[in-house]
Amino acid sequence: MFNSTRPSLEELPSSAQLLKSTAIAAASAVAILVTVVLPAEYNIDPTGVGGLLGLAEMGEIKQQLAAEAEADRQMDAGVEEQSSLLNDIFGLFVGSAAAQEAAAEEWRDEISFTLEPGEHAEWKLSMTEGQTVFYRMTVTGGRVNFDMHGHGNGANVTYEKARGSTGSEGPLVAQFDGDHGWFWRNRDNADVTVTLQLRGDYQELKDES
């Protein structure tokens, strides 16, 4: 068995020597940081040594690449956010349009009748002032003359008149409390069919033919 010789106390480094070695190591680390690491990684060259060694240029390139990568990331995030916003807006638009279309087809009442040549018909809505009705009138097989009007409490009004009509649609807003509606007459030589669809605010739909 080989036994190493135990060093004497005189051979061991003193505290002052240890402190000196530590200080030298720390100073070397700082020097390396300032002259090599900072210029090469962050383009920070306080001593100018990094520029002489070409390290500052390397650091500048790295910083440019990092800046470009961050700009690309932000652009991608912006495009994604914009795309999401556009999708949301499009979804709302489509949903709203679909809801309006569905609402337009949800008619409260629908009547259909046939008029022989010279025959007439009259249908009225009981409404109070300000109430609004949306209507769609279609005529098949020919044309009709019609008068859309209202009367009640000594008042009367004509909303629309037409001759040789094949249809009409729109809102009817009651100008006063009373009965508001349509009078049709077939002036053609053949039977015609009138279809009336209604939705909105009214109390009653009645046949006054």
N, C-alpha and C. Protein backbone atom coordinates (compact mmCIF):
# COMPACT_ATOMS: atom_id res chain seq x y z
N MET A 1 0.84 -1.18 0.00
CA MET A 1 0.00 0.00 0.00
C MET A 1 0.87 1.23 0.00
N PHE A 2 0.46 2.20 -0.88
CA PHE A 2 1.23 3.42 -0.96
C PHE A 2 0.56 4.49 -0.12
N ASN A 3 1.24 5.07 0.74
CA ASN A 3 0.72 6.15 1.59
C ASN A 3 1.39 7.45 1.18
N SER A 4 0.53 8.43 0.78
CA SER A 4 1.09 9.72 0.39
C SER A 4 1.58 10.46 1.60
N THR A 5 2.51 11.32 1.31
CA THR A 5 3.08 12.10 2.40
C THR A 5 2.15 13.24 2.77
N ARG A 6 1.85 13.33 3.97
CA ARG A 6 0.95 14.38 4.45
C ARG A 6 1.69 15.71 4.36
N PRO A 7 1.10 16.72 3.67
CA PRO A 7 1.80 18.00 3.55
C PRO A 7 1.91 18.69 4.90
N SER A 8 2.96 19.44 4.99
CA SER A 8 3.14 20.21 6.23
C SER A 8 2.34 21.48 6.16
N LEU A 9 2.16 22.13 7.25
CA LEU A 9 1.39 23.37 7.30
C LEU A 9 2.04 24.45 6.47
N GLU A 10 3.37 24.40 6.35
CA GLU A 10 4.05 25.43 5.57
C GLU A 10 3.75 25.30 4.08
N GLU A 11 3.44 24.07 3.63
CA GLU A 11 3.15 23.85 2.22
C GLU A 11 1.73 24.26 1.82
N LEU A 12 0.82 24.33 2.76
CA LEU A 12 -0.57 24.72 2.47
C LEU A 12 -0.64 26.22 2.20
N PRO A 13 -1.55 26.65 1.23
CA PRO A 13 -1.67 28.09 0.94
C PRO A 13 -2.26 28.82 2.15
N SER A 14 -1.79 30.02 2.31
CA SER A 14 -2.29 30.83 3.43
C SER A 14 -3.63 31.46 3.05
N SER A 15 -4.27 32.04 4.03
CA SER A 15 -5.55 32.72 3.79
C SER A 15 -5.39 33.86 2.80
N ALA A 16 -4.29 34.57 2.91
CA ALA A 16 -4.04 35.69 2.00
C ALA A 16 -3.89 35.20 0.58
N GLN A 17 -3.25 34.05 0.41
CA GLN A 17 -3.07 33.50 -0.93
C GLN A 17 -4.41 33.02 -1.52
N LEU A 18 -5.23 32.42 -0.67
CA LEU A 18 -6.56 31.99 -1.12
C LEU A 18 -7.41 33.19 -1.56
N LEU A 19 -7.36 34.23 -0.76
CA LEU A 19 -8.13 35.44 -1.10
C LEU A 19 -7.63 36.05 -2.41
N LYS A 20 -6.29 36.05 -2.58
CA LYS A 20 -5.71 36.59 -3.79
C LYS A 20 -6.14 35.78 -5.00
N SER A 21 -6.10 34.42 -4.87
CA SER A 21 -6.51 33.56 -5.97
C SER A 21 -7.98 33.77 -6.33
N THR A 22 -8.81 33.92 -5.28
CA THR A 22 -10.24 34.16 -5.51
C THR A 22 -10.45 35.47 -6.22
N ALA A 23 -9.73 36.51 -5.79
CA ALA A 23 -9.87 37.82 -6.42
C ALA A 23 -9.44 37.77 -7.87
N ILE A 24 -8.34 37.05 -8.14
CA ILE A 24 -7.86 36.94 -9.52
C ILE A 24 -8.89 36.22 -10.39
N ALA A 25 -9.49 35.13 -9.84
CA ALA A 25 -10.50 34.39 -10.59
C ALA A 25 -11.72 35.25 -10.88
N ALA A 26 -12.13 36.02 -9.86
CA ALA A 26 -13.29 36.90 -10.04
C ALA A 26 -13.00 37.97 -11.08
N ALA A 27 -11.79 38.55 -11.00
CA ALA A 27 -11.42 39.60 -11.96
C ALA A 27 -11.37 39.02 -13.37
N SER A 28 -10.87 37.80 -13.49
CA SER A 28 -10.80 37.15 -14.80
C SER A 28 -12.20 36.92 -15.36
N ALA A 29 -13.10 36.49 -14.47
CA ALA A 29 -14.49 36.25 -14.91
C ALA A 29 -15.13 37.54 -15.38
N VAL A 30 -14.91 38.62 -14.63
CA VAL A 30 -15.46 39.92 -15.02
C VAL A 30 -14.87 40.37 -16.34
N ALA A 31 -13.55 40.17 -16.49
CA ALA A 31 -12.89 40.57 -17.73
C ALA A 31 -13.45 39.80 -18.91
N ILE A 32 -13.65 38.51 -18.73
CA ILE A 32 -14.22 37.69 -19.81
C ILE A 32 -15.64 38.13 -20.12
N LEU A 33 -16.41 38.44 -19.07
CA LEU A 33 -17.79 38.90 -19.26
C LEU A 33 -17.83 40.18 -20.07
N VAL A 34 -16.94 41.14 -19.69
CA VAL A 34 -16.96 42.46 -20.31
C VAL A 34 -16.40 42.43 -21.73
N THR A 35 -15.34 41.67 -21.92
CA THR A 35 -14.65 41.72 -23.22
C THR A 35 -15.13 40.67 -24.21
N VAL A 36 -15.78 39.60 -23.72
CA VAL A 36 -16.17 38.51 -24.61
C VAL A 36 -17.69 38.29 -24.62
N VAL A 37 -18.25 38.00 -23.45
CA VAL A 37 -19.66 37.60 -23.38
C VAL A 37 -20.59 38.73 -23.78
N LEU A 38 -20.41 39.91 -23.17
CA LEU A 38 -21.32 41.02 -23.48
C LEU A 38 -21.25 41.43 -24.95
N PRO A 39 -20.06 41.60 -25.54
CA PRO A 39 -20.03 41.95 -26.97
C PRO A 39 -20.61 40.85 -27.87
N ALA A 40 -20.28 39.60 -27.57
CA ALA A 40 -20.69 38.50 -28.44
C ALA A 40 -22.17 38.20 -28.34
N GLU A 41 -22.79 38.38 -27.16
CA GLU A 41 -24.19 38.00 -26.96
C GLU A 41 -25.15 39.18 -27.05
N TYR A 42 -24.72 40.35 -26.57
CA TYR A 42 -25.65 41.47 -26.44
C TYR A 42 -25.18 42.74 -27.17
N ASN A 43 -24.06 42.66 -27.90
CA ASN A 43 -23.51 43.82 -28.61
C ASN A 43 -23.24 44.98 -27.65
N ILE A 44 -22.82 44.64 -26.45
CA ILE A 44 -22.43 45.64 -25.45
C ILE A 44 -20.92 45.57 -25.31
N ASP A 45 -20.22 46.62 -25.69
CA ASP A 45 -18.75 46.58 -25.75
C ASP A 45 -18.16 47.82 -25.08
N PRO A 46 -18.19 47.85 -23.73
CA PRO A 46 -17.70 49.05 -23.04
C PRO A 46 -16.20 49.27 -23.20
N THR A 47 -15.42 48.23 -23.44
CA THR A 47 -13.96 48.37 -23.51
C THR A 47 -13.46 48.52 -24.94
N GLY A 48 -14.25 48.15 -25.93
CA GLY A 48 -13.82 48.20 -27.31
C GLY A 48 -13.06 46.96 -27.76
N VAL A 49 -12.77 46.08 -26.82
CA VAL A 49 -12.05 44.86 -27.15
C VAL A 49 -12.90 43.95 -28.03
N GLY A 50 -14.17 43.90 -27.73
CA GLY A 50 -15.07 43.05 -28.52
C GLY A 50 -15.09 43.46 -29.98
N GLY A 51 -15.03 44.78 -30.23
CA GLY A 51 -14.99 45.25 -31.61
C GLY A 51 -13.72 44.83 -32.31
N LEU A 52 -12.59 44.91 -31.60
CA LEU A 52 -11.31 44.49 -32.18
C LEU A 52 -11.29 43.01 -32.51
N LEU A 53 -11.96 42.24 -31.66
CA LEU A 53 -11.97 40.79 -31.86
C LEU A 53 -13.09 40.32 -32.80
N GLY A 54 -13.95 41.24 -33.22
CA GLY A 54 -15.07 40.86 -34.09
C GLY A 54 -16.25 40.29 -33.35
N LEU A 55 -16.20 40.35 -32.02
CA LEU A 55 -17.29 39.79 -31.22
C LEU A 55 -18.51 40.72 -31.20
N ALA A 56 -18.26 42.03 -31.24
CA ALA A 56 -19.37 42.98 -31.21
C ALA A 56 -20.28 42.80 -32.42
N GLU A 57 -19.70 42.55 -33.59
CA GLU A 57 -20.49 42.33 -34.79
C GLU A 57 -21.36 41.08 -34.64
N MET A 58 -20.80 40.05 -34.02
CA MET A 58 -21.56 38.84 -33.76
C MET A 58 -22.74 39.14 -32.85
N GLY A 59 -22.48 39.93 -31.80
CA GLY A 59 -23.56 40.28 -30.89
C GLY A 59 -24.63 41.10 -31.57
N GLU A 60 -24.22 42.02 -32.48
CA GLU A 60 -25.19 42.85 -33.19
C GLU A 60 -26.10 41.99 -34.06
N ILE A 61 -25.50 41.00 -34.74
CA ILE A 61 -26.29 40.10 -35.58
C ILE A 61 -27.30 39.32 -34.75
N LYS A 62 -26.84 38.84 -33.57
CA LYS A 62 -27.74 38.08 -32.69
C LYS A 62 -28.90 38.96 -32.22
N GLN A 63 -28.61 40.21 -31.89
CA GLN A 63 -29.66 41.11 -31.43
C GLN A 63 -30.65 41.41 -32.56
N GLN A 64 -30.15 41.59 -33.79
CA GLN A 64 -31.04 41.82 -34.92
C GLN A 64 -31.94 40.62 -35.17
N LEU A 65 -31.35 39.43 -35.09
CA LEU A 65 -32.15 38.22 -35.29
C LEU A 65 -33.21 38.08 -34.21
N ALA A 66 -32.84 38.42 -32.98
CA ALA A 66 -33.80 38.34 -31.88
C ALA A 66 -34.93 39.34 -32.09
N ALA A 67 -34.56 40.58 -32.54
CA ALA A 67 -35.58 41.61 -32.78
C ALA A 67 -36.51 41.20 -33.91
N GLU A 68 -35.94 40.62 -34.98
CA GLU A 68 -36.78 40.16 -36.08
C GLU A 68 -37.70 39.03 -35.66
N ALA A 69 -37.20 38.14 -34.84
CA ALA A 69 -38.03 37.03 -34.36
C ALA A 69 -39.19 37.55 -33.52
N GLU A 70 -38.91 38.55 -32.67
CA GLU A 70 -39.97 39.13 -31.84
C GLU A 70 -40.99 39.86 -32.70
N ALA A 71 -40.49 40.60 -33.75
CA ALA A 71 -41.42 41.29 -34.64
C ALA A 71 -42.31 40.29 -35.38
N ASP A 72 -41.72 39.18 -35.82
CA ASP A 72 -42.52 38.15 -36.49
C ASP A 72 -43.55 37.56 -35.56
N ARG A 73 -43.15 37.34 -34.30
CA ARG A 73 -44.09 36.78 -33.32
C ARG A 73 -45.26 37.72 -33.09
N GLN A 74 -44.96 39.03 -32.94
CA GLN A 74 -46.02 39.99 -32.72
C GLN A 74 -46.92 40.11 -33.95
N MET A 75 -46.31 40.05 -35.15
CA MET A 75 -47.11 40.11 -36.37
C MET A 75 -48.04 38.92 -36.47
N ASP A 76 -47.50 37.73 -36.18
CA ASP A 76 -48.34 36.53 -36.22
C ASP A 76 -49.48 36.62 -35.21
N ALA A 77 -49.15 37.14 -34.02
CA ALA A 77 -50.19 37.29 -33.00
C ALA A 77 -51.25 38.29 -33.45
N GLY A 78 -50.79 39.39 -34.11
CA GLY A 78 -51.74 40.38 -34.61
C GLY A 78 -52.63 39.83 -35.69
N VAL A 79 -52.02 39.07 -36.62
CA VAL A 79 -52.81 38.47 -37.70
C VAL A 79 -53.82 37.47 -37.15
N GLU A 80 -53.38 36.68 -36.16
CA GLU A 80 -54.29 35.70 -35.56
C GLU A 80 -55.44 36.39 -34.84
N GLU A 81 -55.11 37.48 -34.12
CA GLU A 81 -56.16 38.22 -33.40
C GLU A 81 -57.13 38.86 -34.38
N GLN A 82 -56.57 39.45 -35.47
CA GLN A 82 -57.43 40.06 -36.48
C GLN A 82 -58.31 39.02 -37.14
N SER A 83 -57.73 37.87 -37.45
CA SER A 83 -58.51 36.81 -38.08
C SER A 83 -59.64 36.34 -37.15
N SER A 84 -59.31 36.23 -35.86
CA SER A 84 -60.33 35.82 -34.89
C SER A 84 -61.44 36.85 -34.81
N LEU A 85 -61.04 38.16 -34.83
CA LEU A 85 -62.03 39.23 -34.77
C LEU A 85 -62.93 39.21 -36.00
N LEU A 86 -62.31 39.03 -37.18
CA LEU A 86 -63.10 38.98 -38.41
C LEU A 86 -64.05 37.79 -38.40
N ASN A 87 -63.58 36.66 -37.89
CA ASN A 87 -64.46 35.49 -37.80
C ASN A 87 -65.64 35.76 -36.88
N ASP A 88 -65.36 36.45 -35.74
CA ASP A 88 -66.43 36.78 -34.80
C ASP A 88 -67.44 37.71 -35.45
N ILE A 89 -66.91 38.75 -36.16
CA ILE A 89 -67.81 39.70 -36.81
C ILE A 89 -68.64 39.00 -37.88
N PHE A 90 -67.96 38.13 -38.67
CA PHE A 90 -68.67 37.40 -39.71
C PHE A 90 -69.75 36.50 -39.12
N GLY A 91 -69.38 35.86 -37.99
CA GLY A 91 -70.36 34.99 -37.33
C GLY A 91 -71.56 35.76 -36.84
N LEU A 92 -71.31 36.97 -36.26
CA LEU A 92 -72.41 37.80 -35.79
C LEU A 92 -73.28 38.24 -36.96
N PHE A 93 -72.59 38.62 -38.07
CA PHE A 93 -73.34 39.09 -39.23
C PHE A 93 -74.22 37.98 -39.80
N VAL A 94 -73.62 36.81 -39.96
CA VAL A 94 -74.38 35.68 -40.50
C VAL A 94 -75.53 35.31 -39.57
N GLY A 95 -75.23 35.31 -38.25
CA GLY A 95 -76.27 34.97 -37.28
C GLY A 95 -77.40 35.97 -37.30
N SER A 96 -77.03 37.27 -37.38
CA SER A 96 -78.05 38.32 -37.41
C SER A 96 -78.88 38.23 -38.69
N ALA A 97 -78.20 38.03 -39.83
CA ALA A 97 -78.93 37.92 -41.10
C ALA A 97 -79.87 36.72 -41.08
N ALA A 98 -79.39 35.60 -40.52
CA ALA A 98 -80.22 34.40 -40.45
C ALA A 98 -81.42 34.65 -39.53
N ALA A 99 -81.17 35.35 -38.42
CA ALA A 99 -82.26 35.63 -37.48
C ALA A 99 -83.31 36.54 -38.13
N GLN A 100 -82.82 37.58 -38.90
CA GLN A 100 -83.75 38.48 -39.56
C GLN A 100 -84.56 37.74 -40.62
N GLU A 101 -83.88 36.88 -41.36
CA GLU A 101 -84.58 36.12 -42.39
C GLU A 101 -85.62 35.19 -41.78
N ALA A 102 -85.23 34.55 -40.67
CA ALA A 102 -86.17 33.65 -40.00
C ALA A 102 -87.36 34.43 -39.45
N ALA A 103 -87.06 35.61 -38.86
CA ALA A 103 -88.14 36.43 -38.29
C ALA A 103 -89.10 36.89 -39.39
N ALA A 104 -88.53 37.21 -40.57
CA ALA A 104 -89.35 37.69 -41.67
C ALA A 104 -90.31 36.61 -42.17
N GLU A 105 -89.96 35.36 -41.98
CA GLU A 105 -90.79 34.27 -42.46
C GLU A 105 -91.76 33.77 -41.39
N GLU A 106 -91.65 34.26 -40.17
CA GLU A 106 -92.54 33.82 -39.10
C GLU A 106 -93.81 34.67 -39.11
N TRP A 107 -94.68 34.38 -40.04
CA TRP A 107 -95.90 35.15 -40.18
C TRP A 107 -96.91 34.75 -39.11
N ARG A 108 -97.57 35.74 -38.58
CA ARG A 108 -98.57 35.49 -37.53
C ARG A 108 -99.87 34.94 -38.13
N ASP A 109 -100.29 35.51 -39.25
CA ASP A 109 -101.50 35.06 -39.93
C ASP A 109 -101.25 34.99 -41.42
N GLU A 110 -101.97 34.09 -42.08
CA GLU A 110 -101.92 34.00 -43.53
C GLU A 110 -103.30 33.60 -44.04
N ILE A 111 -103.79 34.37 -45.01
CA ILE A 111 -105.09 34.07 -45.61
C ILE A 111 -104.90 33.98 -47.12
N SER A 112 -105.75 33.22 -47.77
CA SER A 112 -105.71 33.07 -49.21
C SER A 112 -107.14 32.89 -49.71
N PHE A 113 -107.49 33.59 -50.77
CA PHE A 113 -108.84 33.49 -51.31
C PHE A 113 -108.80 33.74 -52.82
N THR A 114 -109.83 33.28 -53.50
CA THR A 114 -109.92 33.43 -54.95
C THR A 114 -111.06 34.37 -55.29
N LEU A 115 -110.75 35.31 -56.21
CA LEU A 115 -111.77 36.26 -56.67
C LEU A 115 -112.10 35.97 -58.12
N GLU A 116 -113.39 35.80 -58.39
CA GLU A 116 -113.84 35.66 -59.77
C GLU A 116 -113.87 37.05 -60.42
N PRO A 117 -113.95 37.11 -61.73
CA PRO A 117 -114.00 38.42 -62.39
C PRO A 117 -115.12 39.29 -61.83
N GLY A 118 -114.75 40.52 -61.44
CA GLY A 118 -115.73 41.45 -60.88
C GLY A 118 -115.96 41.28 -59.39
N GLU A 119 -115.47 40.21 -58.79
CA GLU A 119 -115.71 39.96 -57.37
C GLU A 119 -114.73 40.78 -56.53
N HIS A 120 -115.13 41.06 -55.26
CA HIS A 120 -114.28 41.83 -54.36
C HIS A 120 -114.18 41.14 -53.00
N ALA A 121 -113.22 41.60 -52.21
CA ALA A 121 -113.03 41.09 -50.84
C ALA A 121 -112.44 42.22 -50.00
N GLU A 122 -112.71 42.14 -48.70
CA GLU A 122 -112.18 43.17 -47.79
C GLU A 122 -111.82 42.52 -46.45
N TRP A 123 -110.58 42.73 -46.01
CA TRP A 123 -110.09 42.23 -44.72
C TRP A 123 -109.49 43.38 -43.94
N LYS A 124 -109.79 43.41 -42.64
CA LYS A 124 -109.33 44.51 -41.79
C LYS A 124 -108.65 43.97 -40.53
N LEU A 125 -107.76 44.83 -40.00
CA LEU A 125 -107.08 44.56 -38.73
C LEU A 125 -107.54 45.56 -37.70
N SER A 126 -107.88 45.09 -36.52
CA SER A 126 -108.17 45.99 -35.40
C SER A 126 -106.84 46.41 -34.77
N MET A 127 -106.55 47.71 -34.82
CA MET A 127 -105.27 48.22 -34.35
C MET A 127 -105.46 49.49 -33.54
N THR A 128 -104.51 49.75 -32.65
CA THR A 128 -104.48 51.01 -31.92
C THR A 128 -103.39 51.90 -32.52
N GLU A 129 -103.51 53.19 -32.29
CA GLU A 129 -102.59 54.16 -32.87
C GLU A 129 -101.12 53.80 -32.57
N GLY A 130 -100.29 53.80 -33.62
CA GLY A 130 -98.86 53.52 -33.46
C GLY A 130 -98.48 52.06 -33.65
N GLN A 131 -99.42 51.16 -33.61
CA GLN A 131 -99.09 49.76 -33.85
C GLN A 131 -98.65 49.55 -35.30
N THR A 132 -97.72 48.61 -35.50
CA THR A 132 -97.15 48.39 -36.83
C THR A 132 -97.33 46.94 -37.25
N VAL A 133 -97.77 46.75 -38.47
CA VAL A 133 -97.94 45.44 -39.06
C VAL A 133 -97.08 45.37 -40.32
N PHE A 134 -96.39 44.26 -40.50
CA PHE A 134 -95.67 44.00 -41.74
C PHE A 134 -96.48 43.00 -42.55
N TYR A 135 -96.66 43.31 -43.83
CA TYR A 135 -97.51 42.45 -44.67
C TYR A 135 -96.80 42.11 -45.97
N ARG A 136 -97.25 41.01 -46.56
CA ARG A 136 -96.84 40.62 -47.91
C ARG A 136 -98.08 40.13 -48.65
N MET A 137 -98.40 40.79 -49.74
CA MET A 137 -99.57 40.43 -50.55
C MET A 137 -99.08 39.96 -51.91
N THR A 138 -99.51 38.76 -52.33
CA THR A 138 -99.16 38.24 -53.65
C THR A 138 -100.43 37.88 -54.39
N VAL A 139 -100.39 38.09 -55.70
CA VAL A 139 -101.54 37.81 -56.57
C VAL A 139 -101.10 36.84 -57.66
N THR A 140 -101.80 35.75 -57.80
CA THR A 140 -101.47 34.78 -58.84
C THR A 140 -102.67 34.59 -59.76
N GLY A 141 -102.39 34.38 -61.04
CA GLY A 141 -103.45 34.14 -62.02
C GLY A 141 -103.94 35.40 -62.69
N GLY A 142 -103.46 36.55 -62.26
CA GLY A 142 -103.93 37.80 -62.86
C GLY A 142 -103.52 39.01 -62.02
N ARG A 143 -104.38 40.04 -62.05
CA ARG A 143 -104.10 41.28 -61.33
C ARG A 143 -105.35 41.74 -60.60
N VAL A 144 -105.12 42.60 -59.61
CA VAL A 144 -106.24 43.16 -58.86
C VAL A 144 -106.03 44.65 -58.67
N ASN A 145 -107.14 45.33 -58.42
CA ASN A 145 -107.09 46.70 -57.91
C ASN A 145 -107.27 46.60 -56.39
N PHE A 146 -106.49 47.40 -55.65
CA PHE A 146 -106.67 47.35 -54.20
C PHE A 146 -106.52 48.74 -53.60
N ASP A 147 -107.10 48.85 -52.41
CA ASP A 147 -107.07 50.09 -51.64
C ASP A 147 -106.74 49.72 -50.20
N MET A 148 -105.60 50.19 -49.69
CA MET A 148 -105.23 49.93 -48.29
C MET A 148 -105.55 51.20 -47.50
N HIS A 149 -106.46 51.07 -46.54
CA HIS A 149 -106.96 52.26 -45.85
C HIS A 149 -107.33 51.92 -44.41
N GLY A 150 -107.72 52.94 -43.66
CA GLY A 150 -108.15 52.75 -42.28
C GLY A 150 -109.26 53.73 -41.92
N HIS A 151 -110.08 53.33 -40.94
CA HIS A 151 -111.15 54.22 -40.47
C HIS A 151 -111.47 53.87 -39.02
N GLY A 152 -111.98 54.86 -38.30
CA GLY A 152 -112.36 54.64 -36.91
C GLY A 152 -112.46 55.94 -36.15
N ASN A 153 -113.48 56.03 -35.27
CA ASN A 153 -113.69 57.22 -34.44
C ASN A 153 -113.82 58.50 -35.27
N GLY A 154 -114.49 58.37 -36.42
CA GLY A 154 -114.72 59.53 -37.28
C GLY A 154 -113.54 59.90 -38.16
N ALA A 155 -112.44 59.15 -38.08
CA ALA A 155 -111.26 59.44 -38.90
C ALA A 155 -111.10 58.39 -39.98
N ASN A 156 -110.50 58.77 -41.09
CA ASN A 156 -110.20 57.79 -42.14
C ASN A 156 -108.94 58.23 -42.87
N VAL A 157 -108.24 57.26 -43.46
CA VAL A 157 -106.98 57.52 -44.15
C VAL A 157 -106.77 56.47 -45.23
N THR A 158 -106.14 56.88 -46.34
CA THR A 158 -105.75 55.96 -47.39
C THR A 158 -104.24 55.82 -47.35
N TYR A 159 -103.77 54.59 -47.16
CA TYR A 159 -102.33 54.34 -47.10
C TYR A 159 -101.74 54.08 -48.49
N GLU A 160 -102.47 53.35 -49.33
CA GLU A 160 -101.95 52.99 -50.66
C GLU A 160 -103.10 52.57 -51.56
N LYS A 161 -102.96 52.92 -52.85
CA LYS A 161 -103.90 52.49 -53.86
C LYS A 161 -103.12 51.98 -55.06
N ALA A 162 -103.66 50.96 -55.73
CA ALA A 162 -102.99 50.45 -56.92
C ALA A 162 -104.01 49.82 -57.85
N ARG A 163 -103.73 49.92 -59.16
CA ARG A 163 -104.56 49.29 -60.18
C ARG A 163 -103.69 48.29 -60.94
N GLY A 164 -104.25 47.14 -61.24
CA GLY A 164 -103.52 46.12 -61.97
C GLY A 164 -102.30 45.62 -61.21
N SER A 165 -102.46 45.42 -59.92
CA SER A 165 -101.32 45.01 -59.08
C SER A 165 -101.18 43.50 -59.03
N THR A 166 -99.94 43.05 -58.99
CA THR A 166 -99.66 41.63 -58.81
C THR A 166 -99.05 41.35 -57.43
N GLY A 167 -99.00 42.38 -56.56
CA GLY A 167 -98.49 42.16 -55.21
C GLY A 167 -97.94 43.43 -54.60
N SER A 168 -97.77 43.38 -53.29
CA SER A 168 -97.23 44.51 -52.56
C SER A 168 -96.78 44.02 -51.19
N GLU A 169 -95.83 44.74 -50.58
CA GLU A 169 -95.40 44.40 -49.23
C GLU A 169 -94.80 45.61 -48.56
N GLY A 170 -94.76 45.55 -47.21
CA GLY A 170 -94.19 46.66 -46.45
C GLY A 170 -94.85 46.78 -45.09
N PRO A 171 -94.60 47.90 -44.41
CA PRO A 171 -95.22 48.11 -43.10
C PRO A 171 -96.52 48.89 -43.21
N LEU A 172 -97.40 48.65 -42.28
CA LEU A 172 -98.61 49.44 -42.13
C LEU A 172 -98.63 49.96 -40.69
N VAL A 173 -98.56 51.27 -40.52
CA VAL A 173 -98.54 51.88 -39.19
C VAL A 173 -99.87 52.57 -38.96
N ALA A 174 -100.59 52.13 -37.94
CA ALA A 174 -101.91 52.70 -37.66
C ALA A 174 -101.80 54.16 -37.22
N GLN A 175 -102.53 55.05 -37.90
CA GLN A 175 -102.47 56.47 -37.55
C GLN A 175 -103.46 56.83 -36.44
N PHE A 176 -104.38 55.91 -36.14
CA PHE A 176 -105.36 56.14 -35.08
C PHE A 176 -105.97 54.80 -34.72
N ASP A 177 -106.71 54.77 -33.63
CA ASP A 177 -107.41 53.55 -33.22
C ASP A 177 -108.51 53.25 -34.22
N GLY A 178 -108.61 51.99 -34.66
CA GLY A 178 -109.67 51.65 -35.57
C GLY A 178 -109.35 50.41 -36.38
N ASP A 179 -110.01 50.30 -37.54
CA ASP A 179 -109.81 49.16 -38.44
C ASP A 179 -108.97 49.61 -39.63
N HIS A 180 -107.95 48.80 -39.92
CA HIS A 180 -107.01 49.15 -40.99
C HIS A 180 -106.78 47.90 -41.84
N GLY A 181 -106.86 48.06 -43.16
CA GLY A 181 -106.68 46.88 -43.99
C GLY A 181 -106.85 47.14 -45.46
N TRP A 182 -107.39 46.13 -46.19
CA TRP A 182 -107.37 46.12 -47.65
C TRP A 182 -108.75 45.84 -48.23
N PHE A 183 -108.98 46.46 -49.39
CA PHE A 183 -110.14 46.16 -50.23
C PHE A 183 -109.59 45.78 -51.60
N TRP A 184 -109.99 44.60 -52.10
CA TRP A 184 -109.51 44.11 -53.40
C TRP A 184 -110.70 43.93 -54.35
N ARG A 185 -110.45 44.16 -55.64
CA ARG A 185 -111.46 43.84 -56.66
C ARG A 185 -110.74 43.29 -57.89
N ASN A 186 -111.31 42.21 -58.44
CA ASN A 186 -110.75 41.58 -59.63
C ASN A 186 -111.41 42.19 -60.87
N ARG A 187 -110.60 42.95 -61.64
CA ARG A 187 -111.10 43.57 -62.87
C ARG A 187 -110.66 42.79 -64.11
N ASP A 188 -109.97 41.65 -63.93
CA ASP A 188 -109.57 40.82 -65.05
C ASP A 188 -110.71 39.90 -65.48
N ASN A 189 -110.45 39.16 -66.53
CA ASN A 189 -111.46 38.24 -67.07
C ASN A 189 -111.27 36.81 -66.59
N ALA A 190 -110.35 36.59 -65.66
CA ALA A 190 -110.10 35.25 -65.13
C ALA A 190 -110.00 35.31 -63.62
N ASP A 191 -110.16 34.15 -62.99
CA ASP A 191 -110.04 34.08 -61.54
C ASP A 191 -108.61 34.42 -61.11
N VAL A 192 -108.49 35.10 -59.97
CA VAL A 192 -107.18 35.40 -59.39
C VAL A 192 -107.19 34.95 -57.93
N THR A 193 -106.03 34.57 -57.45
CA THR A 193 -105.89 34.17 -56.05
C THR A 193 -105.01 35.18 -55.33
N VAL A 194 -105.51 35.68 -54.22
CA VAL A 194 -104.79 36.66 -53.40
C VAL A 194 -104.34 35.96 -52.11
N THR A 195 -103.06 36.12 -51.78
CA THR A 195 -102.52 35.59 -50.53
C THR A 195 -101.97 36.75 -49.71
N LEU A 196 -102.37 36.83 -48.45
CA LEU A 196 -101.93 37.91 -47.56
C LEU A 196 -101.29 37.30 -46.33
N GLN A 197 -100.03 37.68 -46.07
CA GLN A 197 -99.30 37.22 -44.88
C GLN A 197 -99.07 38.42 -43.96
N LEU A 198 -99.21 38.18 -42.64
CA LEU A 198 -99.17 39.28 -41.68
C LEU A 198 -98.34 38.90 -40.45
N ARG A 199 -97.64 39.87 -39.92
CA ARG A 199 -96.98 39.74 -38.61
C ARG A 199 -96.86 41.13 -38.01
N GLY A 200 -96.84 41.19 -36.69
CA GLY A 200 -96.73 42.49 -36.03
C GLY A 200 -97.79 42.65 -34.95
N ASP A 201 -98.15 43.90 -34.69
CA ASP A 201 -99.05 44.23 -33.57
C ASP A 201 -100.45 44.57 -34.08
N TYR A 202 -101.38 43.74 -33.74
CA TYR A 202 -102.79 44.01 -34.01
C TYR A 202 -103.62 43.10 -33.12
N GLN A 203 -104.86 43.51 -32.90
CA GLN A 203 -105.72 42.75 -31.99
C GLN A 203 -106.49 41.62 -32.70
N GLU A 204 -106.93 41.91 -33.93
CA GLU A 204 -107.81 40.95 -34.59
C GLU A 204 -107.73 41.12 -36.10
N LEU A 205 -107.84 40.00 -36.82
CA LEU A 205 -107.94 40.01 -38.28
C LEU A 205 -109.35 39.53 -38.61
N LYS A 206 -110.09 40.34 -39.40
CA LYS A 206 -111.49 39.96 -39.67
C LYS A 206 -111.86 40.19 -41.13
N ASP A 207 -112.77 39.35 -41.59
CA ASP A 207 -113.27 39.40 -42.95
C ASP A 207 -114.48 40.32 -42.98
N GLU A 208 -114.41 41.41 -43.76
CA GLU A 208 -115.54 42.36 -43.86
C GLU A 208 -116.11 42.40 -45.27
N SER A 209 -115.91 41.31 -46.02
CA SER A 209 -116.42 41.27 -47.40
C SER A 209 -117.95 41.29 -47.42
